[in-house]
Structure formats: C-alpha cells, structure tokens
Amino acid sequence: MEKMLWKHIETVRRQSPLVHNITNYVVMNSTANALLAAGASPIMSHAHAEVKQMVALSHALVINIGTLDEYWVDAMLLAAETAQQLGKPWVLDPVGAGATSYRDEVLQRLMAFKPTVIRGNASEIMALAKFNGAKTKGVDSTAASLDAVTAAISLLEQQGAVICISGATDIIVDQEFGIHIHNGHPLMTKVTGLGCTASALIGAFIGVVENKTEATSAAMSLLGIAGELAQKEADGPGSLQVKILDQLYNMQEEIFLQQLNISLL
C-alpha cells in the first residue's frame, strides 16, 4: 500500500490533472497554490455560462460549500449534474453541514448527483448521515473522527461514495475496507482552510488514479506528512502555511515512506 500511494503522487506530478474548483472565498488562493505545489493545475470558475464546458475540460470537480450564495449554489448544482452526466469524478466538501437548514438543503440537492468522494470533519459527516446529536460549531468539528466511523459507513451505504473523515486521525472508508492515516500535526488546525486544501488535493488524485480509495488516501497522506515536516521549521501558523506548500512541492519518496503512518481496518 505505501509504495502504491507514492506512485499515485508521481502520477499526479506527471499528468498534472486540471481540477475545476467551485470553492469558498476564504481558501481560493491557498487551495490553488496547494494544487500547483502538488503538481496539479487548478481552475477556479463558477460562471454559469461556462460551468458545463469547464467540467468537460477538467479531470475532476471539487465543490466546497463554505461561502454560499444563490448564484454560487446554482453553479455548484449545474457542475455536479454535468459531472455525473459525463462520468467525471467529483469531490463534495460539506463545510458546516448541520449548521443551518439552508446549508443542509443545498447539500441534499448536491448529493443527488452522487459525489465520488465526500470529505468532511467528524461533525459534518455525522450531520450528512443524519445522526442524532451531530452538531457543528461554525465550520469546526465538535466530534472526533473516530466518533464518526459508524456515520461514515451509513453515509457510504446511502451514497456509494468514498467517505473521508478528517481529524487528528484521518479515516477513509469504502465498500471493502477502511484506512486510518495518523499523519499531520495539531498546529494545522490553526491555519484556515487546510481541510479545503485536502478536498482540492483529493480532486487532483481522483482525476488521474483509477482506485478512488487509494487516490483519497494518497492525497490525505501527502498533506498530513507535509504538515508534519512543515511544523518542524515553522514559527507559527503563518509560516506553517507557506512551508506546507514547500513540502508539497519538494516531497521525495524516501521521506514520504519514512514518515507515512497508516493502518488498515
């Protein structure tokens, strides 16, 4: 598994997949830079007149509902529908699921178009699965990733998507097995949008890797290890963000395999 994940990183670097992002205002710059650093090619576009063409041109679509408004929601729905029609893989990042009825309504409409991967924190995954007691604090999780495994399995059964729960331990589940990724560092929680960065990176990997569970695992491992290594040189969250980009760009096989800490369920 470890060697395979590294091969997927090399595939992204070699093929430079075009990733169409309809994402939130807060993270556009940081997620675009992360995609570039990992070897992918980002495009940020939500104009209704070109959404269908952008989805058709791209290897994958990433939809992040962080900063919703009606125009953007219509663009998201049009993009998701087009991705489903064309058989393009796409990622749903359900930012703040459970926080408001509007957000939940939008998510239900988006999930009708069957995302390939759903990545969220524990509270978001639990809210999507409609578990009693699932709560969010703004866009932050009020539950640990391990608490959401049962909810993730339920959501998997409902949607047929690969489910990724991000947290201190990242957990990825599909129809056959689950993966725990124990990389990352607590300082990463002090940088806004790193979860959104994870979703964008997943988009790059599922665009060129056939096995979507392995693709998701490679993306999450890469970001977690980059965060671990960056923290060793960072003075705080500001420099951490910059150094994560450097680590994504400079990651080498030997260091990746040495740092990787995963277990199979």
Protein backbone atom coordinates (compact mmCIF):
# COMPACT_ATOMS: atom_id res chain seq x y z
CA MET A 1 0.00 0.00 0.00
CA GLU A 2 2.74 2.50 0.97
CA LYS A 3 4.59 2.19 -2.34
CA MET A 4 1.31 2.44 -4.24
CA LEU A 5 0.44 5.73 -2.54
CA TRP A 6 3.77 7.18 -3.62
CA LYS A 7 3.17 6.03 -7.20
CA HIS A 8 -0.10 7.95 -7.16
CA ILE A 9 1.77 11.10 -6.07
CA GLU A 10 4.12 10.61 -9.02
CA THR A 11 1.13 10.13 -11.33
CA VAL A 12 -0.33 13.49 -10.30
CA ARG A 13 3.02 15.19 -10.86
CA ARG A 14 3.45 13.55 -14.24
CA GLN A 15 -0.07 14.07 -15.59
CA SER A 16 -0.82 17.46 -13.97
CA PRO A 17 -4.60 16.99 -13.83
CA LEU A 18 -6.84 20.01 -14.35
CA VAL A 19 -9.04 20.41 -11.27
CA HIS A 20 -12.15 22.57 -11.51
CA ASN A 21 -12.91 24.14 -8.13
CA ILE A 22 -16.11 25.84 -7.10
CA THR A 23 -14.99 26.73 -3.62
CA ASN A 24 -15.22 29.43 -0.97
CA TYR A 25 -13.79 32.94 -0.95
CA VAL A 26 -11.62 32.22 2.08
CA VAL A 27 -9.48 29.49 0.52
CA MET A 28 -9.28 30.10 -3.22
CA ASN A 29 -5.69 31.29 -3.21
CA SER A 30 -4.38 28.70 -0.76
CA THR A 31 -6.06 25.73 -2.43
CA ALA A 32 -4.93 26.82 -5.89
CA ASN A 33 -1.36 27.14 -4.64
CA ALA A 34 -1.52 23.73 -2.96
CA LEU A 35 -2.71 22.11 -6.18
CA LEU A 36 0.12 23.74 -8.09
CA ALA A 37 2.67 22.66 -5.48
CA ALA A 38 1.46 19.05 -5.70
CA GLY A 39 1.78 19.09 -9.48
CA ALA A 40 -1.85 19.64 -10.48
CA SER A 41 -3.40 22.50 -12.43
CA PRO A 42 -6.21 24.44 -10.70
CA ILE A 43 -9.02 26.45 -12.17
CA MET A 44 -11.45 28.47 -10.05
CA SER A 45 -14.62 29.16 -12.02
CA HIS A 46 -18.29 29.47 -11.15
CA ALA A 47 -19.81 31.45 -14.05
CA HIS A 48 -22.99 29.71 -15.18
CA ALA A 49 -22.19 30.33 -18.84
CA GLU A 50 -19.01 28.25 -18.75
CA VAL A 51 -19.52 25.72 -15.96
CA LYS A 52 -20.51 22.85 -18.25
CA GLN A 53 -17.51 23.40 -20.50
CA MET A 54 -15.15 23.67 -17.54
CA VAL A 55 -16.36 20.38 -16.12
CA ALA A 56 -15.94 18.75 -19.51
CA LEU A 57 -12.38 20.06 -19.84
CA SER A 58 -11.31 19.06 -16.35
CA HIS A 59 -10.11 15.77 -14.92
CA ALA A 60 -12.13 16.29 -11.75
CA LEU A 61 -14.50 18.69 -9.99
CA VAL A 62 -14.32 19.91 -6.39
CA ILE A 63 -17.35 21.55 -4.79
CA ASN A 64 -16.88 23.29 -1.43
CA ILE A 65 -19.92 24.99 0.13
CA GLY A 66 -18.03 27.18 2.60
CA THR A 67 -19.39 30.57 1.48
CA LEU A 68 -22.80 30.01 -0.06
CA ASP A 69 -25.00 32.32 -2.03
CA GLU A 70 -27.74 31.61 -4.50
CA TYR A 71 -25.70 32.26 -7.65
CA TRP A 72 -22.88 30.01 -6.48
CA VAL A 73 -25.31 27.28 -5.43
CA ASP A 74 -26.82 27.20 -8.92
CA ALA A 75 -23.29 26.92 -10.36
CA MET A 76 -22.50 24.05 -8.00
CA LEU A 77 -25.66 22.18 -8.92
CA LEU A 78 -25.04 22.67 -12.64
CA ALA A 79 -21.43 21.49 -12.28
CA ALA A 80 -22.35 18.43 -10.20
CA GLU A 81 -25.09 17.45 -12.64
CA THR A 82 -22.68 17.81 -15.57
CA ALA A 83 -20.01 15.76 -13.80
CA GLN A 84 -22.50 12.97 -13.19
CA GLN A 85 -23.68 13.05 -16.81
CA LEU A 86 -20.12 12.97 -18.17
CA GLY A 87 -18.83 10.40 -15.69
CA LYS A 88 -16.30 12.85 -14.23
CA PRO A 89 -15.16 12.19 -10.66
CA TRP A 90 -16.03 14.87 -8.15
CA VAL A 91 -15.47 15.74 -4.50
CA LEU A 92 -18.03 17.23 -2.13
CA ASP A 93 -16.71 19.22 0.84
CA PRO A 94 -19.78 19.75 3.07
CA VAL A 95 -18.45 22.72 5.05
CA GLY A 96 -20.66 23.48 8.04
CA ALA A 97 -23.11 20.63 7.40
CA GLY A 98 -25.76 20.71 10.09
CA ALA A 99 -25.16 24.36 10.95
CA THR A 100 -28.16 25.81 9.07
CA SER A 101 -31.21 24.48 7.27
CA TYR A 102 -30.14 26.25 4.06
CA ARG A 103 -26.75 24.54 4.10
CA ASP A 104 -28.38 21.16 4.65
CA GLU A 105 -30.87 21.74 1.84
CA VAL A 106 -28.06 22.59 -0.58
CA LEU A 107 -26.11 19.50 0.46
CA GLN A 108 -29.09 17.22 -0.08
CA ARG A 109 -29.53 18.61 -3.59
CA LEU A 110 -25.83 18.18 -4.36
CA MET A 111 -25.69 14.62 -3.05
CA ALA A 112 -28.41 13.66 -5.52
CA PHE A 113 -25.66 13.87 -8.16
CA LYS A 114 -23.60 11.18 -6.39
CA PRO A 115 -20.19 12.59 -5.47
CA THR A 116 -17.25 10.25 -5.93
CA VAL A 117 -15.71 11.29 -2.60
CA ILE A 118 -17.18 13.13 0.38
CA ARG A 119 -14.58 14.68 2.70
CA GLY A 120 -15.51 16.42 5.90
CA ASN A 121 -14.73 16.62 9.58
CA ALA A 122 -16.46 14.28 12.01
CA SER A 123 -19.37 16.60 12.77
CA GLU A 124 -20.03 17.23 9.09
CA ILE A 125 -20.02 13.54 8.23
CA MET A 126 -22.33 12.79 11.14
CA ALA A 127 -24.68 15.58 10.08
CA LEU A 128 -24.79 14.28 6.49
CA ALA A 129 -25.62 10.83 7.77
CA LYS A 130 -28.38 12.41 9.91
CA PHE A 131 -27.09 11.04 13.16
CA ASN A 132 -28.86 12.30 16.25
CA GLY A 133 -26.75 14.69 18.28
CA ALA A 134 -24.39 15.67 15.45
CA LYS A 135 -23.52 19.34 15.87
CA THR A 136 -21.13 21.77 14.28
CA LYS A 137 -19.55 24.88 15.74
CA GLY A 138 -19.50 27.10 12.67
CA VAL A 139 -17.36 25.04 10.30
CA ASP A 140 -15.38 23.36 13.09
CA SER A 141 -15.94 19.84 14.30
CA THR A 142 -17.37 19.12 17.74
CA ALA A 143 -16.65 15.40 17.41
CA ALA A 144 -13.53 13.32 16.91
CA SER A 145 -13.01 11.46 13.64
CA LEU A 146 -13.21 8.10 15.41
CA ASP A 147 -16.69 9.03 16.67
CA ALA A 148 -17.95 9.37 13.11
CA VAL A 149 -16.98 5.96 11.71
CA THR A 150 -20.46 4.47 12.07
CA ALA A 151 -21.93 7.58 10.47
CA ALA A 152 -19.42 7.31 7.62
CA ILE A 153 -20.42 3.71 6.96
CA SER A 154 -24.08 4.75 6.93
CA LEU A 155 -23.31 7.58 4.51
CA LEU A 156 -21.29 5.18 2.35
CA GLU A 157 -24.29 2.87 2.13
CA GLN A 158 -26.57 5.79 1.22
CA GLN A 159 -24.31 7.41 -1.37
CA GLY A 160 -21.88 4.78 -2.63
CA ALA A 161 -19.09 7.36 -2.32
CA VAL A 162 -15.69 7.03 -0.70
CA ILE A 163 -16.03 8.77 2.67
CA CYS A 164 -13.10 10.64 4.19
CA ILE A 165 -13.27 11.88 7.78
CA SER A 166 -10.50 14.35 8.52
CA GLY A 167 -9.19 14.92 12.02
CA ALA A 168 -6.31 14.02 14.30
CA THR A 169 -6.63 10.63 12.61
CA ASP A 170 -7.90 10.74 9.04
CA ILE A 171 -10.25 7.86 8.27
CA ILE A 172 -11.18 6.71 4.77
CA VAL A 173 -13.86 4.09 4.19
CA ASP A 174 -15.24 2.42 1.10
CA GLN A 175 -17.30 -0.69 0.34
CA GLU A 176 -14.43 -3.07 1.13
CA PHE A 177 -12.19 -1.67 3.85
CA GLY A 178 -11.04 1.37 5.80
CA ILE A 179 -7.75 3.19 6.22
CA HIS A 180 -6.50 5.17 9.20
CA ILE A 181 -3.89 7.84 8.47
CA HIS A 182 -2.04 9.01 11.56
CA ASN A 183 -0.03 11.83 9.98
CA GLY A 184 -0.46 15.57 10.49
CA HIS A 185 0.12 17.99 13.38
CA PRO A 186 -2.18 19.94 15.74
CA LEU A 187 -0.78 23.27 14.51
CA MET A 188 -2.52 22.58 11.19
CA THR A 189 -5.84 23.35 12.89
CA LYS A 190 -4.68 26.96 13.33
CA VAL A 191 -4.49 27.53 9.57
CA THR A 192 -7.85 28.23 7.98
CA GLY A 193 -8.83 26.09 5.03
CA LEU A 194 -6.45 23.15 5.30
CA GLY A 195 -9.46 20.86 5.20
CA CYS A 196 -10.47 22.60 2.00
CA THR A 197 -6.93 22.05 0.74
CA ALA A 198 -7.34 18.35 1.46
CA SER A 199 -10.51 18.23 -0.63
CA ALA A 200 -8.81 20.04 -3.52
CA LEU A 201 -5.88 17.62 -3.43
CA ILE A 202 -8.27 14.67 -3.40
CA GLY A 203 -9.78 16.14 -6.58
CA ALA A 204 -6.37 16.07 -8.25
CA PHE A 205 -5.75 12.46 -7.30
CA ILE A 206 -9.16 11.05 -8.23
CA GLY A 207 -8.80 12.77 -11.60
CA VAL A 208 -5.93 10.51 -12.65
CA VAL A 209 -5.99 7.49 -10.30
CA GLU A 210 -8.48 4.73 -11.04
CA ASN A 211 -8.79 3.42 -7.47
CA LYS A 212 -10.57 6.30 -5.72
CA THR A 213 -9.92 5.00 -2.22
CA GLU A 214 -6.19 4.82 -2.88
CA ALA A 215 -6.36 8.24 -4.54
CA THR A 216 -8.03 9.75 -1.48
CA SER A 217 -5.54 8.07 0.84
CA ALA A 218 -2.58 9.35 -1.18
CA ALA A 219 -3.88 12.92 -1.07
CA MET A 220 -4.55 12.85 2.67
CA SER A 221 -1.19 11.21 3.39
CA LEU A 222 0.67 13.74 1.31
CA LEU A 223 -0.93 16.70 3.09
CA GLY A 224 -0.51 15.15 6.54
CA ILE A 225 3.16 14.44 6.03
CA ALA A 226 3.72 17.89 4.51
CA GLY A 227 2.15 19.38 7.65
CA GLU A 228 4.33 17.30 9.97
CA LEU A 229 7.51 18.29 8.19
CA ALA A 230 6.50 21.94 7.84
CA GLN A 231 5.77 22.24 11.56
CA LYS A 232 9.36 21.38 12.40
CA GLU A 233 10.51 24.55 10.63
CA ALA A 234 7.53 26.85 11.30
CA ASP A 235 7.36 29.58 13.94
CA GLY A 236 3.56 29.54 13.96
CA PRO A 237 0.52 29.12 11.70
CA GLY A 238 1.59 31.85 9.27
CA SER A 239 4.88 30.29 8.34
CA LEU A 240 3.35 26.82 8.57
CA GLN A 241 1.05 27.57 5.65
CA VAL A 242 3.92 28.67 3.44
CA LYS A 243 6.13 25.76 4.45
CA ILE A 244 3.36 23.25 3.73
CA LEU A 245 3.39 24.47 0.13
CA ASP A 246 7.15 23.98 0.01
CA GLN A 247 6.83 20.47 1.42
CA LEU A 248 4.13 19.53 -1.10
CA TYR A 249 6.41 20.70 -3.88
CA ASN A 250 9.62 19.12 -2.59
CA MET A 251 8.29 15.82 -1.21
CA GLN A 252 10.57 12.88 -2.03
CA GLU A 253 9.80 9.16 -1.98
CA GLU A 254 12.25 8.28 0.79
CA ILE A 255 10.90 10.92 3.18
CA PHE A 256 7.28 10.13 2.32
CA LEU A 257 7.67 6.41 3.01
CA GLN A 258 9.67 7.08 6.16
CA GLN A 259 7.02 9.41 7.60
CA LEU A 260 3.89 7.59 6.42
CA ASN A 261 1.87 6.16 9.29
CA ILE A 262 -1.21 4.24 8.14
CA SER A 263 -3.17 1.23 9.28
CA LEU A 264 -5.88 -0.82 7.57
CA LEU A 265 -9.18 -1.66 9.22
